[in-house]
Amino acid sequence: QVQLAESGGGLVQAGGSLRLSCAASDSIFRFYTISWHRQAPGKERELVASITSGGITNYADSVKGRFTISRANAKNTVYLQMNSLKPEDTAAYYCRALWAGNSYWGQGTQVTVSS
């Protein structure tokens, strides 16, 4: 079973940047599609960005041009670089690993953007 640990969240002013990390416990991590999701209070969890094992990326329209997902397989880590943050980006951010029908979630990291 893959264990995921998110880090890098915090409080930032609008227009600022944060980089989230999702570290995996298993080296087969490199085969997984990794995605970042977020959930704001009272709202459903939504997909933010994803990256396949081959490096193909996908983004929600709301973050295109501001967020960048990348992976460092040698470090079993996926990053989410978040620039030009907006108050509406405030949420708990979770990473998910998906491969061969197996899905694993991290515990999440809180991002708060003040106006």
N, C-alpha and C. Protein backbone atom coordinates (compact mmCIF):
# COMPACT_ATOMS: atom_id res chain seq x y z
N GLN A 1 0.84 -1.19 0.00
CA GLN A 1 0.00 0.00 0.00
C GLN A 1 0.87 1.24 0.00
N VAL A 2 0.53 2.19 -0.86
CA VAL A 2 1.29 3.43 -0.95
C VAL A 2 0.78 4.43 0.07
N GLN A 3 1.68 5.01 0.80
CA GLN A 3 1.32 6.09 1.72
C GLN A 3 1.80 7.41 1.13
N LEU A 4 0.93 8.40 1.21
CA LEU A 4 1.21 9.71 0.65
C LEU A 4 1.23 10.76 1.76
N ALA A 5 2.16 11.69 1.66
CA ALA A 5 2.25 12.76 2.66
C ALA A 5 2.38 14.09 1.95
N GLU A 6 1.39 14.95 2.15
CA GLU A 6 1.44 16.29 1.56
C GLU A 6 2.12 17.26 2.52
N SER A 7 2.75 18.25 1.95
CA SER A 7 3.35 19.31 2.75
C SER A 7 3.42 20.57 1.90
N GLY A 8 3.70 21.69 2.56
CA GLY A 8 3.89 22.94 1.85
C GLY A 8 2.74 23.92 1.94
N GLY A 9 1.66 23.52 2.56
CA GLY A 9 0.54 24.44 2.70
C GLY A 9 0.85 25.55 3.69
N GLY A 10 -0.04 26.52 3.75
CA GLY A 10 0.14 27.61 4.69
C GLY A 10 -0.74 28.79 4.35
N LEU A 11 -0.43 29.90 4.98
CA LEU A 11 -1.17 31.15 4.78
C LEU A 11 -0.35 32.07 3.89
N VAL A 12 -0.99 32.59 2.86
CA VAL A 12 -0.29 33.47 1.92
C VAL A 12 -1.25 34.57 1.47
N GLN A 13 -0.71 35.71 1.13
CA GLN A 13 -1.54 36.79 0.63
C GLN A 13 -1.89 36.55 -0.84
N ALA A 14 -2.99 37.14 -1.25
CA ALA A 14 -3.39 37.05 -2.66
C ALA A 14 -2.25 37.55 -3.54
N GLY A 15 -2.03 36.81 -4.62
CA GLY A 15 -0.93 37.14 -5.52
C GLY A 15 0.36 36.39 -5.20
N GLY A 16 0.40 35.76 -4.04
CA GLY A 16 1.59 35.04 -3.63
C GLY A 16 1.68 33.65 -4.21
N SER A 17 2.68 32.91 -3.76
CA SER A 17 2.96 31.57 -4.29
C SER A 17 3.20 30.58 -3.16
N LEU A 18 2.89 29.35 -3.44
CA LEU A 18 3.22 28.23 -2.56
C LEU A 18 3.59 27.04 -3.43
N ARG A 19 4.41 26.16 -2.90
CA ARG A 19 4.68 24.91 -3.58
C ARG A 19 4.31 23.75 -2.66
N LEU A 20 3.37 22.95 -3.11
CA LEU A 20 2.97 21.77 -2.37
C LEU A 20 3.78 20.57 -2.83
N SER A 21 4.04 19.68 -1.91
CA SER A 21 4.74 18.43 -2.22
C SER A 21 3.89 17.25 -1.79
N CYS A 22 3.96 16.19 -2.57
CA CYS A 22 3.30 14.93 -2.25
C CYS A 22 4.36 13.85 -2.32
N ALA A 23 4.76 13.35 -1.17
CA ALA A 23 5.82 12.35 -1.10
C ALA A 23 5.21 10.97 -0.88
N ALA A 24 5.69 10.00 -1.64
CA ALA A 24 5.16 8.64 -1.55
C ALA A 24 6.16 7.72 -0.86
N SER A 25 5.59 6.67 -0.27
CA SER A 25 6.41 5.74 0.51
C SER A 25 7.00 4.62 -0.33
N ASP A 26 6.57 4.52 -1.59
CA ASP A 26 6.95 3.37 -2.40
C ASP A 26 7.56 3.81 -3.72
N SER A 27 8.60 3.11 -4.13
CA SER A 27 9.29 3.50 -5.37
C SER A 27 8.47 3.22 -6.61
N ILE A 28 7.44 2.34 -6.50
CA ILE A 28 6.61 2.11 -7.69
C ILE A 28 5.70 3.29 -7.96
N PHE A 29 5.83 4.27 -7.11
CA PHE A 29 5.16 5.56 -7.30
C PHE A 29 5.29 6.05 -8.73
N ARG A 30 6.40 5.74 -9.38
CA ARG A 30 6.66 6.28 -10.70
C ARG A 30 5.64 5.75 -11.74
N PHE A 31 4.96 4.67 -11.42
CA PHE A 31 3.97 4.13 -12.34
C PHE A 31 2.60 4.77 -12.17
N TYR A 32 2.44 5.52 -11.09
CA TYR A 32 1.12 6.04 -10.75
C TYR A 32 0.83 7.36 -11.45
N THR A 33 -0.43 7.55 -11.81
CA THR A 33 -0.92 8.88 -12.12
C THR A 33 -1.19 9.57 -10.78
N ILE A 34 -0.64 10.76 -10.63
CA ILE A 34 -0.80 11.52 -9.40
C ILE A 34 -1.64 12.74 -9.69
N SER A 35 -2.59 12.99 -8.83
CA SER A 35 -3.43 14.16 -9.00
C SER A 35 -3.53 14.93 -7.70
N TRP A 36 -3.75 16.21 -7.86
CA TRP A 36 -4.03 17.09 -6.72
C TRP A 36 -5.51 17.46 -6.78
N HIS A 37 -6.15 17.41 -5.63
CA HIS A 37 -7.54 17.78 -5.49
C HIS A 37 -7.64 18.78 -4.35
N ARG A 38 -8.72 19.51 -4.33
CA ARG A 38 -8.92 20.43 -3.21
C ARG A 38 -10.39 20.44 -2.80
N GLN A 39 -10.58 20.77 -1.54
CA GLN A 39 -11.94 20.83 -1.01
C GLN A 39 -12.04 22.02 -0.07
N ALA A 40 -12.92 22.94 -0.44
CA ALA A 40 -13.20 24.09 0.40
C ALA A 40 -14.39 23.77 1.29
N PRO A 41 -14.52 24.45 2.42
CA PRO A 41 -15.64 24.17 3.33
C PRO A 41 -16.98 24.30 2.62
N GLY A 42 -17.81 23.29 2.78
CA GLY A 42 -19.13 23.31 2.19
C GLY A 42 -19.18 22.99 0.71
N LYS A 43 -18.04 22.64 0.14
CA LYS A 43 -17.98 22.35 -1.30
C LYS A 43 -17.48 20.93 -1.52
N GLU A 44 -17.74 20.42 -2.72
CA GLU A 44 -17.25 19.10 -3.07
C GLU A 44 -15.76 19.15 -3.42
N ARG A 45 -15.12 18.01 -3.24
CA ARG A 45 -13.72 17.91 -3.62
C ARG A 45 -13.62 17.99 -5.14
N GLU A 46 -12.66 18.77 -5.63
CA GLU A 46 -12.51 18.94 -7.06
C GLU A 46 -11.08 18.67 -7.49
N LEU A 47 -10.95 18.21 -8.73
CA LEU A 47 -9.65 17.97 -9.32
C LEU A 47 -8.99 19.29 -9.67
N VAL A 48 -7.73 19.43 -9.29
CA VAL A 48 -6.97 20.63 -9.60
C VAL A 48 -6.02 20.37 -10.76
N ALA A 49 -5.24 19.30 -10.66
CA ALA A 49 -4.25 18.98 -11.69
C ALA A 49 -3.86 17.52 -11.56
N SER A 50 -3.38 16.96 -12.66
CA SER A 50 -2.92 15.58 -12.62
C SER A 50 -1.71 15.43 -13.54
N ILE A 51 -0.93 14.38 -13.28
CA ILE A 51 0.22 14.07 -14.11
C ILE A 51 0.36 12.56 -14.21
N THR A 52 0.49 12.06 -15.43
CA THR A 52 0.61 10.62 -15.63
C THR A 52 2.06 10.18 -15.41
N SER A 53 2.25 8.86 -15.46
CA SER A 53 3.61 8.34 -15.31
C SER A 53 4.50 8.82 -16.44
N GLY A 54 3.90 9.13 -17.58
CA GLY A 54 4.68 9.62 -18.72
C GLY A 54 4.83 11.12 -18.76
N GLY A 55 4.27 11.81 -17.76
CA GLY A 55 4.45 13.25 -17.67
C GLY A 55 3.38 14.08 -18.34
N ILE A 56 2.30 13.44 -18.79
CA ILE A 56 1.20 14.21 -19.39
C ILE A 56 0.41 14.88 -18.28
N THR A 57 0.18 16.16 -18.45
CA THR A 57 -0.49 16.94 -17.40
C THR A 57 -1.88 17.39 -17.82
N ASN A 58 -2.68 17.65 -16.83
CA ASN A 58 -4.03 18.14 -17.05
C ASN A 58 -4.37 19.09 -15.91
N TYR A 59 -5.10 20.17 -16.23
CA TYR A 59 -5.42 21.18 -15.22
C TYR A 59 -6.89 21.57 -15.28
N ALA A 60 -7.42 21.91 -14.12
CA ALA A 60 -8.73 22.52 -14.08
C ALA A 60 -8.64 23.90 -14.72
N ASP A 61 -9.71 24.32 -15.37
CA ASP A 61 -9.71 25.62 -16.03
C ASP A 61 -9.39 26.75 -15.05
N SER A 62 -9.81 26.60 -13.82
CA SER A 62 -9.66 27.66 -12.83
C SER A 62 -8.20 27.89 -12.44
N VAL A 63 -7.33 26.94 -12.73
CA VAL A 63 -5.92 27.10 -12.31
C VAL A 63 -4.95 27.13 -13.49
N LYS A 64 -5.45 26.94 -14.71
CA LYS A 64 -4.56 26.95 -15.88
C LYS A 64 -3.81 28.27 -15.95
N GLY A 65 -2.52 28.15 -16.21
CA GLY A 65 -1.68 29.33 -16.31
C GLY A 65 -1.15 29.83 -14.98
N ARG A 66 -1.67 29.30 -13.89
CA ARG A 66 -1.21 29.72 -12.56
C ARG A 66 -0.53 28.58 -11.79
N PHE A 67 -1.02 27.37 -11.98
CA PHE A 67 -0.49 26.22 -11.25
C PHE A 67 0.29 25.33 -12.22
N THR A 68 1.33 24.69 -11.69
CA THR A 68 2.12 23.74 -12.48
C THR A 68 2.36 22.49 -11.66
N ILE A 69 2.01 21.34 -12.24
CA ILE A 69 2.27 20.07 -11.58
C ILE A 69 3.50 19.43 -12.22
N SER A 70 4.33 18.83 -11.39
CA SER A 70 5.53 18.17 -11.90
C SER A 70 5.87 17.01 -10.99
N ARG A 71 6.74 16.12 -11.49
CA ARG A 71 7.10 14.98 -10.66
C ARG A 71 8.59 14.74 -10.71
N ALA A 72 9.11 14.27 -9.59
CA ALA A 72 10.52 13.89 -9.48
C ALA A 72 10.51 12.43 -9.02
N ASN A 73 10.52 11.53 -9.98
CA ASN A 73 10.39 10.10 -9.64
C ASN A 73 11.54 9.61 -8.77
N ALA A 74 12.71 10.16 -8.95
CA ALA A 74 13.85 9.74 -8.12
C ALA A 74 13.62 10.06 -6.64
N LYS A 75 12.76 11.02 -6.39
CA LYS A 75 12.45 11.41 -5.02
C LYS A 75 11.07 10.93 -4.58
N ASN A 76 10.40 10.16 -5.45
CA ASN A 76 9.04 9.71 -5.15
C ASN A 76 8.14 10.88 -4.75
N THR A 77 8.26 11.98 -5.46
CA THR A 77 7.56 13.19 -5.08
C THR A 77 6.92 13.88 -6.29
N VAL A 78 5.73 14.40 -6.06
CA VAL A 78 5.05 15.24 -7.05
C VAL A 78 4.85 16.61 -6.41
N TYR A 79 5.03 17.63 -7.22
CA TYR A 79 4.91 19.00 -6.75
C TYR A 79 3.74 19.70 -7.41
N LEU A 80 3.20 20.67 -6.70
CA LEU A 80 2.20 21.57 -7.28
C LEU A 80 2.67 22.99 -6.98
N GLN A 81 3.20 23.65 -7.99
CA GLN A 81 3.61 25.04 -7.85
C GLN A 81 2.40 25.92 -8.10
N MET A 82 2.08 26.73 -7.13
CA MET A 82 0.88 27.56 -7.22
C MET A 82 1.30 29.03 -7.19
N ASN A 83 1.06 29.72 -8.27
CA ASN A 83 1.40 31.15 -8.38
C ASN A 83 0.13 31.97 -8.52
N SER A 84 0.27 33.25 -8.31
CA SER A 84 -0.87 34.18 -8.45
C SER A 84 -2.09 33.68 -7.69
N LEU A 85 -1.87 33.30 -6.46
CA LEU A 85 -2.95 32.71 -5.67
C LEU A 85 -4.06 33.71 -5.42
N LYS A 86 -5.28 33.17 -5.37
CA LYS A 86 -6.48 33.97 -5.15
C LYS A 86 -7.18 33.46 -3.90
N PRO A 87 -7.98 34.31 -3.27
CA PRO A 87 -8.73 33.84 -2.09
C PRO A 87 -9.58 32.60 -2.38
N GLU A 88 -10.07 32.49 -3.59
CA GLU A 88 -10.89 31.31 -3.94
C GLU A 88 -10.08 30.03 -4.07
N ASP A 89 -8.76 30.12 -3.99
CA ASP A 89 -7.93 28.93 -3.96
C ASP A 89 -7.83 28.33 -2.55
N THR A 90 -8.38 29.02 -1.59
CA THR A 90 -8.37 28.53 -0.21
C THR A 90 -9.10 27.21 -0.10
N ALA A 91 -8.42 26.20 0.42
CA ALA A 91 -9.00 24.86 0.52
C ALA A 91 -7.98 23.93 1.17
N ALA A 92 -8.45 22.75 1.53
CA ALA A 92 -7.54 21.66 1.88
C ALA A 92 -7.16 20.97 0.58
N TYR A 93 -5.87 20.76 0.39
CA TYR A 93 -5.36 20.15 -0.84
C TYR A 93 -4.89 18.73 -0.54
N TYR A 94 -5.32 17.82 -1.39
CA TYR A 94 -5.01 16.40 -1.22
C TYR A 94 -4.34 15.87 -2.49
N CYS A 95 -3.40 14.96 -2.30
CA CYS A 95 -2.88 14.27 -3.47
C CYS A 95 -3.42 12.84 -3.49
N ARG A 96 -3.51 12.32 -4.69
CA ARG A 96 -4.06 11.00 -4.92
C ARG A 96 -3.15 10.26 -5.88
N ALA A 97 -2.92 8.97 -5.60
CA ALA A 97 -2.15 8.11 -6.48
C ALA A 97 -3.08 7.06 -7.06
N LEU A 98 -3.03 6.90 -8.37
CA LEU A 98 -3.95 5.97 -9.04
C LEU A 98 -3.18 5.13 -10.04
N TRP A 99 -3.36 3.80 -9.92
CA TRP A 99 -2.71 2.89 -10.86
C TRP A 99 -3.30 1.50 -10.71
N ALA A 100 -3.60 0.90 -11.83
CA ALA A 100 -4.08 -0.48 -11.88
C ALA A 100 -5.26 -0.70 -10.94
N GLY A 101 -6.15 0.26 -10.90
CA GLY A 101 -7.35 0.13 -10.08
C GLY A 101 -7.16 0.44 -8.61
N ASN A 102 -5.93 0.75 -8.22
CA ASN A 102 -5.67 1.11 -6.83
C ASN A 102 -5.63 2.62 -6.68
N SER A 103 -6.23 3.11 -5.63
CA SER A 103 -6.30 4.54 -5.38
C SER A 103 -5.93 4.82 -3.94
N TYR A 104 -5.04 5.77 -3.76
CA TYR A 104 -4.60 6.13 -2.42
C TYR A 104 -4.64 7.64 -2.28
N TRP A 105 -5.01 8.08 -1.10
CA TRP A 105 -5.11 9.51 -0.79
C TRP A 105 -4.19 9.87 0.37
N GLY A 106 -3.69 11.09 0.33
CA GLY A 106 -2.96 11.63 1.46
C GLY A 106 -3.92 12.28 2.45
N GLN A 107 -3.36 12.80 3.53
CA GLN A 107 -4.17 13.39 4.60
C GLN A 107 -4.53 14.85 4.32
N GLY A 108 -3.84 15.46 3.39
CA GLY A 108 -4.17 16.82 3.02
C GLY A 108 -3.30 17.88 3.69
N THR A 109 -3.24 19.03 3.05
CA THR A 109 -2.54 20.19 3.60
C THR A 109 -3.38 21.43 3.32
N GLN A 110 -3.48 22.30 4.30
CA GLN A 110 -4.36 23.46 4.18
C GLN A 110 -3.65 24.62 3.50
N VAL A 111 -4.34 25.21 2.54
CA VAL A 111 -3.88 26.43 1.88
C VAL A 111 -4.91 27.52 2.14
N THR A 112 -4.45 28.63 2.69
CA THR A 112 -5.32 29.75 2.97
C THR A 112 -4.75 31.00 2.30
N VAL A 113 -5.56 31.62 1.46
CA VAL A 113 -5.13 32.81 0.73
C VAL A 113 -5.94 33.99 1.23
N SER A 114 -5.26 34.96 1.79
CA SER A 114 -5.95 36.14 2.33
C SER A 114 -6.02 37.24 1.27
N SER A 115 -7.07 38.02 1.34
CA SER A 115 -7.27 39.09 0.35
C SER A 115 -6.65 40.39 0.81
